[in-house]
Amino acid sequence: MVEAKGDYLPPPHALAAHLMAVARTEWGIENGLHHRRDVTLREDACPVRRGHAPQVLSAVNNVVIGIVQRAGQQNLAAAQRAFRYAFDHPLAHRSTR
């Protein structure tokens, strides 16, 4: 049996199109959020492995992604380059809500 998002699909009834849609959805998630974290923020390459440090690093990365998105940037790498020498710019764009 093939498992897709918790549903069990019997092989004779599993359409190739449905299986491709499930695979694309999974890869879309990987290419979106995980690519940002792994490549742009270099989360996988970070040597932090002990105690609560990995969770803290992940939380800080979430804050960074949130600040960049609230500043109207969709491309995290471009935002890093733009704000590299002006740390206060993303913070100045914060919402007053």
C-alpha atoms as a PDB file:
ATOM      1  CA  MET A   1       0.000   0.000   0.000  1.00  0.00           C
ATOM      2  CA  VAL A   2       1.086   3.570  -0.687  1.00  0.00           C
ATOM      3  CA  GLU A   3       0.592   6.105   2.061  1.00  0.00           C
ATOM      4  CA  ALA A   4      -0.174   9.689   1.058  1.00  0.00           C
ATOM      5  CA  LYS A   5      -0.879  12.243   3.788  1.00  0.00           C
ATOM      6  CA  GLY A   6      -2.404   9.657   6.096  1.00  0.00           C
ATOM      7  CA  ASP A   7      -4.687   8.118   3.451  1.00  0.00           C
ATOM      8  CA  TYR A   8      -4.068   4.597   2.248  1.00  0.00           C
ATOM      9  CA  LEU A   9      -4.397   4.116  -1.484  1.00  0.00           C
ATOM     10  CA  PRO A  10      -4.692   0.583  -2.785  1.00  0.00           C
ATOM     11  CA  PRO A  11      -2.327   0.158  -5.768  1.00  0.00           C
ATOM     12  CA  PRO A  12      -5.028  -0.870  -8.303  1.00  0.00           C
ATOM     13  CA  HIS A  13      -7.046   2.277  -7.542  1.00  0.00           C
ATOM     14  CA  ALA A  14      -4.179   4.732  -7.160  1.00  0.00           C
ATOM     15  CA  LEU A  15      -4.141   6.877 -10.234  1.00  0.00           C
ATOM     16  CA  ALA A  16      -0.776   8.051 -11.479  1.00  0.00           C
ATOM     17  CA  ALA A  17      -2.068  11.637 -11.664  1.00  0.00           C
ATOM     18  CA  HIS A  18      -3.087  11.567  -8.006  1.00  0.00           C
ATOM     19  CA  LEU A  19       0.260  10.158  -6.939  1.00  0.00           C
ATOM     20  CA  MET A  20       2.063  12.849  -8.951  1.00  0.00           C
ATOM     21  CA  ALA A  21      -0.080  15.547  -7.285  1.00  0.00           C
ATOM     22  CA  VAL A  22       0.841  14.182  -3.855  1.00  0.00           C
ATOM     23  CA  ALA A  23       4.533  14.113  -4.804  1.00  0.00           C
ATOM     24  CA  ARG A  24       4.390  17.677  -6.164  1.00  0.00           C
ATOM     25  CA  THR A  25       2.724  18.896  -2.979  1.00  0.00           C
ATOM     26  CA  GLU A  26       5.434  17.331  -0.848  1.00  0.00           C
ATOM     27  CA  TRP A  27       8.211  18.767  -3.023  1.00  0.00           C
ATOM     28  CA  GLY A  28       6.506  22.167  -3.058  1.00  0.00           C
ATOM     29  CA  ILE A  29       6.710  22.299   0.713  1.00  0.00           C
ATOM     30  CA  GLU A  30      10.358  21.210   0.624  1.00  0.00           C
ATOM     31  CA  ASN A  31      11.257  23.740  -2.044  1.00  0.00           C
ATOM     32  CA  GLY A  32       9.453  26.562  -0.275  1.00  0.00           C
ATOM     33  CA  LEU A  33      10.046  26.717   3.440  1.00  0.00           C
ATOM     34  CA  HIS A  34      12.837  24.194   3.822  1.00  0.00           C
ATOM     35  CA  HIS A  35      14.864  25.684   0.986  1.00  0.00           C
ATOM     36  CA  ARG A  36      14.706  29.068   2.722  1.00  0.00           C
ATOM     37  CA  ARG A  37      15.824  27.589   5.997  1.00  0.00           C
ATOM     38  CA  ASP A  38      18.456  25.186   4.655  1.00  0.00           C
ATOM     39  CA  VAL A  39      20.056  27.238   1.908  1.00  0.00           C
ATOM     40  CA  THR A  40      19.444  30.906   2.683  1.00  0.00           C
ATOM     41  CA  LEU A  41      19.667  30.731   6.481  1.00  0.00           C
ATOM     42  CA  ARG A  42      22.133  27.787   6.394  1.00  0.00           C
ATOM     43  CA  GLU A  43      20.236  26.002   9.139  1.00  0.00           C
ATOM     44  CA  ASP A  44      21.490  22.506   8.228  1.00  0.00           C
ATOM     45  CA  ALA A  45      25.126  23.651   8.115  1.00  0.00           C
ATOM     46  CA  CYS A  46      24.930  25.220  11.569  1.00  0.00           C
ATOM     47  CA  PRO A  47      27.019  23.349  14.143  1.00  0.00           C
ATOM     48  CA  VAL A  48      24.476  24.035  16.923  1.00  0.00           C
ATOM     49  CA  ARG A  49      23.375  20.610  18.182  1.00  0.00           C
ATOM     50  CA  ARG A  50      23.210  20.622  22.007  1.00  0.00           C
ATOM     51  CA  GLY A  51      20.535  21.470  24.516  1.00  0.00           C
ATOM     52  CA  HIS A  52      17.833  23.902  23.484  1.00  0.00           C
ATOM     53  CA  ALA A  53      20.072  25.786  21.054  1.00  0.00           C
ATOM     54  CA  PRO A  54      18.605  24.184  17.875  1.00  0.00           C
ATOM     55  CA  GLN A  55      15.066  25.180  18.929  1.00  0.00           C
ATOM     56  CA  VAL A  56      16.229  28.705  19.775  1.00  0.00           C
ATOM     57  CA  LEU A  57      17.978  29.008  16.418  1.00  0.00           C
ATOM     58  CA  SER A  58      14.835  27.826  14.654  1.00  0.00           C
ATOM     59  CA  ALA A  59      12.741  30.378  16.560  1.00  0.00           C
ATOM     60  CA  VAL A  60      15.170  33.178  15.645  1.00  0.00           C
ATOM     61  CA  ASN A  61      15.023  32.085  12.004  1.00  0.00           C
ATOM     62  CA  ASN A  62      11.212  32.168  12.175  1.00  0.00           C
ATOM     63  CA  VAL A  63      11.394  35.749  13.482  1.00  0.00           C
ATOM     64  CA  VAL A  64      13.775  36.707  10.663  1.00  0.00           C
ATOM     65  CA  ILE A  65      11.477  35.190   8.026  1.00  0.00           C
ATOM     66  CA  GLY A  66       8.479  36.954   9.592  1.00  0.00           C
ATOM     67  CA  ILE A  67      10.209  40.347   9.680  1.00  0.00           C
ATOM     68  CA  VAL A  68      11.290  40.002   6.052  1.00  0.00           C
ATOM     69  CA  GLN A  69       7.771  39.029   4.950  1.00  0.00           C
ATOM     70  CA  ARG A  70       6.195  41.914   6.897  1.00  0.00           C
ATOM     71  CA  ALA A  71       8.631  44.281   5.195  1.00  0.00           C
ATOM     72  CA  GLY A  72       7.062  43.180   1.897  1.00  0.00           C
ATOM     73  CA  GLN A  73       9.964  41.042   0.686  1.00  0.00           C
ATOM     74  CA  GLN A  74       9.243  37.610  -0.735  1.00  0.00           C
ATOM     75  CA  ASN A  75      12.816  36.697  -1.611  1.00  0.00           C
ATOM     76  CA  LEU A  76      14.737  36.083   1.601  1.00  0.00           C
ATOM     77  CA  ALA A  77      18.160  36.024  -0.082  1.00  0.00           C
ATOM     78  CA  ALA A  78      17.513  39.368  -1.793  1.00  0.00           C
ATOM     79  CA  ALA A  79      16.335  40.830   1.504  1.00  0.00           C
ATOM     80  CA  GLN A  80      19.523  39.636   3.211  1.00  0.00           C
ATOM     81  CA  ARG A  81      21.609  41.367   0.571  1.00  0.00           C
ATOM     82  CA  ALA A  82      19.534  44.563   0.717  1.00  0.00           C
ATOM     83  CA  PHE A  83      19.572  44.818   4.514  1.00  0.00           C
ATOM     84  CA  ARG A  84      23.098  43.498   5.103  1.00  0.00           C
ATOM     85  CA  TYR A  85      24.498  46.846   6.215  1.00  0.00           C
ATOM     86  CA  ALA A  86      21.279  48.456   7.418  1.00  0.00           C
ATOM     87  CA  PHE A  87      19.907  46.313  10.234  1.00  0.00           C
ATOM     88  CA  ASP A  88      17.282  48.902  11.209  1.00  0.00           C
ATOM     89  CA  HIS A  89      15.473  48.911   7.827  1.00  0.00           C
ATOM     90  CA  PRO A  90      13.432  45.700   8.304  1.00  0.00           C
ATOM     91  CA  LEU A  91      12.557  46.763  11.835  1.00  0.00           C
ATOM     92  CA  ALA A  92      11.391  50.188  10.612  1.00  0.00           C
ATOM     93  CA  HIS A  93       8.876  48.442   8.322  1.00  0.00           C
ATOM     94  CA  ARG A  94       7.165  46.658  11.178  1.00  0.00           C
ATOM     95  CA  SER A  95       3.423  46.943  11.411  1.00  0.00           C
ATOM     96  CA  THR A  96       1.764  48.963  14.167  1.00  0.00           C
ATOM     97  CA  ARG A  97      -1.035  46.390  14.462  1.00  0.00           C
END
